[in-house]
Amino acid sequence: MRHPACNVPPFAEASGESGPPEASSAMLFQTERLSVRRFTLGDAPFVLRLLNEPLWHQHIGDRGLRTLEDAQTYLTTRLLAHYEAHGFGSYCVELRDTGEPMGLTGLIQREGLDAPDLGYAILGAHHGRGYATEAALATLTHARTDLGLDRVVAFIDADNVASRRVLEKVGMRPAGTYTAEGEHEPCLLYEI
């Protein structure tokens, strides 16, 4: 996924976990301002809120989550199942000082991609503070140091200028286009 020469600095603090992680809420890594952990079923209210943010719908897509039950099903069949299948996935981002969930970051192994896909999303109330860049950079460090991945990709809508800036800030570079499963329009593909 990532080039071995990637020079993402050691931003995350190691969690001490080894092997395939279980679906727990134990912290995986931290940054100066953020704590990152696996999602649990107890995160259903937050997942429902995040996946219904206007920018999530615009740039990622409407996942059809309308109730807490929908969010629990999404957690079970998508997020928690991904941990079981791959040993990594999407993680809950919390403010380190308060423990408040405020975003998502992580790596998704998608069919048709030869490397995990970096993803991140922050609640609109927390935009403009550099949290997405901080979370993405820490996730790339986690990918390299904790998971041993040598390549990571990311894809975004061509009109998602803010996300493009995040990818460039964390050292990812353009690598063509990618059409996600079920989509008709190609996205910009980045790699590191």
C-alpha atoms as a PDB file:
ATOM      1  CA  MET A   1       0.000   0.000   0.000  1.00  0.00           C
ATOM      2  CA  ARG A   2       2.595   2.477   1.009  1.00  0.00           C
ATOM      3  CA  HIS A   3       6.062   2.963  -0.368  1.00  0.00           C
ATOM      4  CA  PRO A   4       8.747   1.683   1.995  1.00  0.00           C
ATOM      5  CA  ALA A   5      10.459   5.057   1.753  1.00  0.00           C
ATOM      6  CA  CYS A   6       7.419   6.842   3.138  1.00  0.00           C
ATOM      7  CA  ASN A   7       8.572   9.498   5.537  1.00  0.00           C
ATOM      8  CA  VAL A   8       5.529   9.908   7.745  1.00  0.00           C
ATOM      9  CA  PRO A   9       6.988  10.853  11.144  1.00  0.00           C
ATOM     10  CA  PRO A  10       6.302   8.681  14.191  1.00  0.00           C
ATOM     11  CA  PHE A  11       3.230  10.644  15.260  1.00  0.00           C
ATOM     12  CA  ALA A  12       1.207   7.976  17.040  1.00  0.00           C
ATOM     13  CA  GLU A  13       2.059   6.520  20.386  1.00  0.00           C
ATOM     14  CA  ALA A  14       2.146   2.727  20.330  1.00  0.00           C
ATOM     15  CA  SER A  15      -0.687   1.018  22.140  1.00  0.00           C
ATOM     16  CA  GLY A  16       1.200  -2.146  22.958  1.00  0.00           C
ATOM     17  CA  GLU A  17      -1.432  -4.292  21.233  1.00  0.00           C
ATOM     18  CA  SER A  18      -0.215  -7.075  19.026  1.00  0.00           C
ATOM     19  CA  GLY A  19      -1.917  -9.573  16.767  1.00  0.00           C
ATOM     20  CA  PRO A  20      -5.419  -9.216  15.416  1.00  0.00           C
ATOM     21  CA  PRO A  21      -7.247  -6.769  17.659  1.00  0.00           C
ATOM     22  CA  GLU A  22     -10.573  -7.712  19.179  1.00  0.00           C
ATOM     23  CA  ALA A  23     -13.659  -5.546  19.034  1.00  0.00           C
ATOM     24  CA  SER A  24     -12.970  -3.578  22.186  1.00  0.00           C
ATOM     25  CA  SER A  25     -12.864   0.079  23.029  1.00  0.00           C
ATOM     26  CA  ALA A  26      -9.185  -0.011  24.037  1.00  0.00           C
ATOM     27  CA  MET A  27      -7.161   2.857  22.657  1.00  0.00           C
ATOM     28  CA  LEU A  28      -5.066   1.924  19.625  1.00  0.00           C
ATOM     29  CA  PHE A  29      -3.023   5.114  19.312  1.00  0.00           C
ATOM     30  CA  GLN A  30      -2.984   8.769  20.301  1.00  0.00           C
ATOM     31  CA  THR A  31      -1.842  12.091  18.964  1.00  0.00           C
ATOM     32  CA  GLU A  32      -1.328  15.309  20.855  1.00  0.00           C
ATOM     33  CA  ARG A  33      -5.074  16.069  20.714  1.00  0.00           C
ATOM     34  CA  LEU A  34      -6.796  12.827  19.702  1.00  0.00           C
ATOM     35  CA  SER A  35      -7.334   9.276  20.934  1.00  0.00           C
ATOM     36  CA  VAL A  36      -8.178   6.557  18.424  1.00  0.00           C
ATOM     37  CA  ARG A  37      -9.893   3.287  19.290  1.00  0.00           C
ATOM     38  CA  ARG A  38     -11.971   0.547  17.713  1.00  0.00           C
ATOM     39  CA  PHE A  39     -15.691   1.075  17.404  1.00  0.00           C
ATOM     40  CA  THR A  40     -18.086  -0.904  19.605  1.00  0.00           C
ATOM     41  CA  LEU A  41     -21.847  -1.402  19.407  1.00  0.00           C
ATOM     42  CA  GLY A  42     -22.157   1.312  22.051  1.00  0.00           C
ATOM     43  CA  ASP A  43     -21.038   3.808  19.403  1.00  0.00           C
ATOM     44  CA  ALA A  44     -24.294   3.445  17.445  1.00  0.00           C
ATOM     45  CA  PRO A  45     -25.614   6.937  18.356  1.00  0.00           C
ATOM     46  CA  PHE A  46     -22.351   8.552  17.227  1.00  0.00           C
ATOM     47  CA  VAL A  47     -22.186   6.491  14.008  1.00  0.00           C
ATOM     48  CA  LEU A  48     -25.778   7.466  13.210  1.00  0.00           C
ATOM     49  CA  ARG A  49     -24.883  11.142  13.667  1.00  0.00           C
ATOM     50  CA  LEU A  50     -21.599  11.027  11.714  1.00  0.00           C
ATOM     51  CA  LEU A  51     -22.953   9.076   8.741  1.00  0.00           C
ATOM     52  CA  ASN A  52     -25.822  11.542   8.405  1.00  0.00           C
ATOM     53  CA  GLU A  53     -23.629  14.652   8.292  1.00  0.00           C
ATOM     54  CA  PRO A  54     -24.241  16.628   5.077  1.00  0.00           C
ATOM     55  CA  LEU A  55     -20.592  16.345   3.956  1.00  0.00           C
ATOM     56  CA  TRP A  56     -20.635  12.564   4.557  1.00  0.00           C
ATOM     57  CA  HIS A  57     -23.634  12.275   2.234  1.00  0.00           C
ATOM     58  CA  GLN A  58     -22.047  14.608  -0.316  1.00  0.00           C
ATOM     59  CA  HIS A  59     -18.560  13.074  -0.483  1.00  0.00           C
ATOM     60  CA  ILE A  60     -18.929   9.518   0.815  1.00  0.00           C
ATOM     61  CA  GLY A  61     -22.568   8.660   0.248  1.00  0.00           C
ATOM     62  CA  ASP A  62     -25.829   8.004   2.014  1.00  0.00           C
ATOM     63  CA  ARG A  63     -25.555   4.642   3.778  1.00  0.00           C
ATOM     64  CA  GLY A  64     -29.269   4.605   4.575  1.00  0.00           C
ATOM     65  CA  LEU A  65     -28.825   4.795   8.355  1.00  0.00           C
ATOM     66  CA  ARG A  66     -31.909   6.385   9.859  1.00  0.00           C
ATOM     67  CA  THR A  67     -32.314   4.656  13.239  1.00  0.00           C
ATOM     68  CA  LEU A  68     -30.118   3.371  16.064  1.00  0.00           C
ATOM     69  CA  GLU A  69     -30.929  -0.142  14.880  1.00  0.00           C
ATOM     70  CA  ASP A  70     -29.608   0.748  11.405  1.00  0.00           C
ATOM     71  CA  ALA A  71     -26.401   2.062  13.002  1.00  0.00           C
ATOM     72  CA  GLN A  72     -25.988  -1.092  15.115  1.00  0.00           C
ATOM     73  CA  THR A  73     -26.447  -3.259  12.020  1.00  0.00           C
ATOM     74  CA  TYR A  74     -23.896  -1.143  10.142  1.00  0.00           C
ATOM     75  CA  LEU A  75     -21.445  -1.488  13.021  1.00  0.00           C
ATOM     76  CA  THR A  76     -21.914  -5.260  13.206  1.00  0.00           C
ATOM     77  CA  THR A  77     -21.919  -6.085   9.506  1.00  0.00           C
ATOM     78  CA  ARG A  78     -19.417  -3.512   8.265  1.00  0.00           C
ATOM     79  CA  LEU A  79     -17.092  -2.029  10.872  1.00  0.00           C
ATOM     80  CA  LEU A  80     -16.773  -4.840  13.420  1.00  0.00           C
ATOM     81  CA  ALA A  81     -16.823  -7.519  10.699  1.00  0.00           C
ATOM     82  CA  HIS A  82     -13.928  -5.743   8.966  1.00  0.00           C
ATOM     83  CA  TYR A  83     -11.833  -6.033  12.152  1.00  0.00           C
ATOM     84  CA  GLU A  84     -12.506  -9.769  12.202  1.00  0.00           C
ATOM     85  CA  ALA A  85     -11.700 -10.244   8.526  1.00  0.00           C
ATOM     86  CA  HIS A  86      -8.623  -8.024   8.246  1.00  0.00           C
ATOM     87  CA  GLY A  87      -7.359  -7.137  11.732  1.00  0.00           C
ATOM     88  CA  PHE A  88      -7.867  -3.417  11.091  1.00  0.00           C
ATOM     89  CA  GLY A  89     -10.640  -1.109   9.924  1.00  0.00           C
ATOM     90  CA  SER A  90     -12.370   2.174  10.657  1.00  0.00           C
ATOM     91  CA  TYR A  91     -11.679   3.593  14.106  1.00  0.00           C
ATOM     92  CA  CYS A  92     -13.427   6.062  16.378  1.00  0.00           C
ATOM     93  CA  VAL A  93     -11.594   9.368  16.865  1.00  0.00           C
ATOM     94  CA  GLU A  94     -12.119  11.078  20.209  1.00  0.00           C
ATOM     95  CA  LEU A  95     -10.895  14.346  21.650  1.00  0.00           C
ATOM     96  CA  ARG A  96      -8.128  13.310  23.989  1.00  0.00           C
ATOM     97  CA  ASP A  97      -9.032  15.865  26.681  1.00  0.00           C
ATOM     98  CA  THR A  98     -12.731  15.013  26.922  1.00  0.00           C
ATOM     99  CA  GLY A  99     -13.202  11.564  25.358  1.00  0.00           C
ATOM    100  CA  GLU A 100     -15.904  13.030  23.084  1.00  0.00           C
ATOM    101  CA  PRO A 101     -16.285  11.038  19.819  1.00  0.00           C
ATOM    102  CA  MET A 102     -15.820  13.480  16.946  1.00  0.00           C
ATOM    103  CA  GLY A 103     -14.715  11.525  13.921  1.00  0.00           C
ATOM    104  CA  LEU A 104     -13.575   8.403  12.153  1.00  0.00           C
ATOM    105  CA  THR A 105     -10.253   7.356  10.700  1.00  0.00           C
ATOM    106  CA  GLY A 106      -8.889   4.057   9.518  1.00  0.00           C
ATOM    107  CA  LEU A 107      -8.046   1.623   6.793  1.00  0.00           C
ATOM    108  CA  ILE A 108     -10.479  -0.364   4.675  1.00  0.00           C
ATOM    109  CA  GLN A 109      -9.482  -3.279   2.483  1.00  0.00           C
ATOM    110  CA  ARG A 110     -11.720  -2.856  -0.555  1.00  0.00           C
ATOM    111  CA  GLU A 111     -12.295  -5.356  -3.301  1.00  0.00           C
ATOM    112  CA  GLY A 112     -10.433  -4.289  -6.416  1.00  0.00           C
ATOM    113  CA  LEU A 113      -7.740  -2.360  -4.530  1.00  0.00           C
ATOM    114  CA  ASP A 114      -4.358  -3.958  -3.907  1.00  0.00           C
ATOM    115  CA  ALA A 115      -3.788  -1.895  -0.757  1.00  0.00           C
ATOM    116  CA  PRO A 116      -5.934  -0.655   2.138  1.00  0.00           C
ATOM    117  CA  ASP A 117      -7.809   2.591   1.629  1.00  0.00           C
ATOM    118  CA  LEU A 118      -7.220   5.433   4.107  1.00  0.00           C
ATOM    119  CA  GLY A 119     -10.449   7.064   5.218  1.00  0.00           C
ATOM    120  CA  TYR A 120     -11.364   9.832   7.644  1.00  0.00           C
ATOM    121  CA  ALA A 121     -14.349  11.997   8.513  1.00  0.00           C
ATOM    122  CA  ILE A 122     -14.815  14.625  11.186  1.00  0.00           C
ATOM    123  CA  LEU A 123     -18.099  16.061  12.503  1.00  0.00           C
ATOM    124  CA  GLY A 124     -18.781  19.456  10.966  1.00  0.00           C
ATOM    125  CA  ALA A 125     -18.611  21.152  14.368  1.00  0.00           C
ATOM    126  CA  HIS A 126     -14.894  20.258  14.489  1.00  0.00           C
ATOM    127  CA  HIS A 127     -13.865  21.246  10.938  1.00  0.00           C
ATOM    128  CA  GLY A 128     -11.075  23.715  10.325  1.00  0.00           C
ATOM    129  CA  ARG A 129      -8.882  22.704  13.274  1.00  0.00           C
ATOM    130  CA  GLY A 130      -6.563  20.215  11.562  1.00  0.00           C
ATOM    131  CA  TYR A 131      -8.125  17.139  13.177  1.00  0.00           C
ATOM    132  CA  ALA A 132      -8.559  15.256   9.887  1.00  0.00           C
ATOM    133  CA  THR A 133      -4.891  15.762   9.003  1.00  0.00           C
ATOM    134  CA  GLU A 134      -3.791  14.764  12.510  1.00  0.00           C
ATOM    135  CA  ALA A 135      -5.937  11.617  12.454  1.00  0.00           C
ATOM    136  CA  ALA A 136      -4.890  10.656   8.913  1.00  0.00           C
ATOM    137  CA  LEU A 137      -1.192  11.096   9.669  1.00  0.00           C
ATOM    138  CA  ALA A 138      -1.467   9.009  12.834  1.00  0.00           C
ATOM    139  CA  THR A 139      -3.363   6.336  10.900  1.00  0.00           C
ATOM    140  CA  LEU A 140      -0.603   6.135   8.313  1.00  0.00           C
ATOM    141  CA  THR A 141       1.944   5.745  11.094  1.00  0.00           C
ATOM    142  CA  HIS A 142      -0.226   3.003  12.639  1.00  0.00           C
ATOM    143  CA  ALA A 143      -0.426   1.297   9.227  1.00  0.00           C
ATOM    144  CA  ARG A 144       3.345   1.224   8.891  1.00  0.00           C
ATOM    145  CA  THR A 145       4.551   0.639  12.430  1.00  0.00           C
ATOM    146  CA  ASP A 146       1.761  -1.424  14.002  1.00  0.00           C
ATOM    147  CA  LEU A 147       0.327  -3.249  10.973  1.00  0.00           C
ATOM    148  CA  GLY A 148       3.483  -3.541   8.844  1.00  0.00           C
ATOM    149  CA  LEU A 149       1.814  -2.180   5.711  1.00  0.00           C
ATOM    150  CA  ASP A 150       4.135  -0.793   3.063  1.00  0.00           C
ATOM    151  CA  ARG A 151       1.486   0.888   0.882  1.00  0.00           C
ATOM    152  CA  VAL A 152      -1.782   2.733   1.521  1.00  0.00           C
ATOM    153  CA  VAL A 153      -4.126   4.312  -1.014  1.00  0.00           C
ATOM    154  CA  ALA A 154      -6.964   6.795  -0.702  1.00  0.00           C
ATOM    155  CA  PHE A 155      -9.655   7.929  -3.085  1.00  0.00           C
ATOM    156  CA  ILE A 156     -11.768  11.055  -3.002  1.00  0.00           C
ATOM    157  CA  ASP A 157     -14.308  12.914  -5.109  1.00  0.00           C
ATOM    158  CA  ALA A 158     -12.591  15.303  -7.504  1.00  0.00           C
ATOM    159  CA  ASP A 159     -14.522  18.220  -5.981  1.00  0.00           C
ATOM    160  CA  ASN A 160     -13.509  17.418  -2.384  1.00  0.00           C
ATOM    161  CA  VAL A 161     -10.840  20.110  -2.120  1.00  0.00           C
ATOM    162  CA  ALA A 162     -10.526  19.903   1.688  1.00  0.00           C
ATOM    163  CA  SER A 163      -9.845  16.171   1.574  1.00  0.00           C
ATOM    164  CA  ARG A 164      -7.334  16.621  -1.225  1.00  0.00           C
ATOM    165  CA  ARG A 165      -5.438  19.079   1.001  1.00  0.00           C
ATOM    166  CA  VAL A 166      -5.426  16.539   3.858  1.00  0.00           C
ATOM    167  CA  LEU A 167      -3.987  13.822   1.620  1.00  0.00           C
ATOM    168  CA  GLU A 168      -1.287  16.142   0.319  1.00  0.00           C
ATOM    169  CA  LYS A 169      -0.380  17.305   3.843  1.00  0.00           C
ATOM    170  CA  VAL A 170       0.166  13.699   4.995  1.00  0.00           C
ATOM    171  CA  GLY A 171       2.439  12.978   2.034  1.00  0.00           C
ATOM    172  CA  MET A 172       0.123  11.100  -0.314  1.00  0.00           C
ATOM    173  CA  ARG A 173       0.487  11.744  -4.033  1.00  0.00           C
ATOM    174  CA  PRO A 174      -1.877  11.429  -7.019  1.00  0.00           C
ATOM    175  CA  ALA A 175      -1.922   7.971  -8.614  1.00  0.00           C
ATOM    176  CA  GLY A 176      -4.686   8.141 -11.215  1.00  0.00           C
ATOM    177  CA  THR A 177      -8.362   7.399 -10.743  1.00  0.00           C
ATOM    178  CA  TYR A 178     -10.480   4.666  -9.171  1.00  0.00           C
ATOM    179  CA  THR A 179     -14.144   3.820  -9.619  1.00  0.00           C
ATOM    180  CA  ALA A 180     -15.582   2.467  -6.378  1.00  0.00           C
ATOM    181  CA  GLU A 181     -17.916  -0.522  -6.414  1.00  0.00           C
ATOM    182  CA  GLY A 182     -21.444   0.606  -7.259  1.00  0.00           C
ATOM    183  CA  GLU A 183     -20.295   4.028  -8.450  1.00  0.00           C
ATOM    184  CA  HIS A 184     -20.313   5.415 -11.981  1.00  0.00           C
ATOM    185  CA  GLU A 185     -17.942   8.350 -11.597  1.00  0.00           C
ATOM    186  CA  PRO A 186     -14.224   7.794 -11.054  1.00  0.00           C
ATOM    187  CA  CYS A 187     -12.582   9.273  -7.965  1.00  0.00           C
ATOM    188  CA  LEU A 188      -9.085  10.669  -7.610  1.00  0.00           C
ATOM    189  CA  LEU A 189      -6.694   7.983  -6.343  1.00  0.00           C
ATOM    190  CA  TYR A 190      -3.764   8.823  -4.065  1.00  0.00           C
ATOM    191  CA  GLU A 191      -1.013   6.631  -2.660  1.00  0.00           C
ATOM    192  CA  ILE A 192       1.859   6.626  -0.234  1.00  0.00           C
END
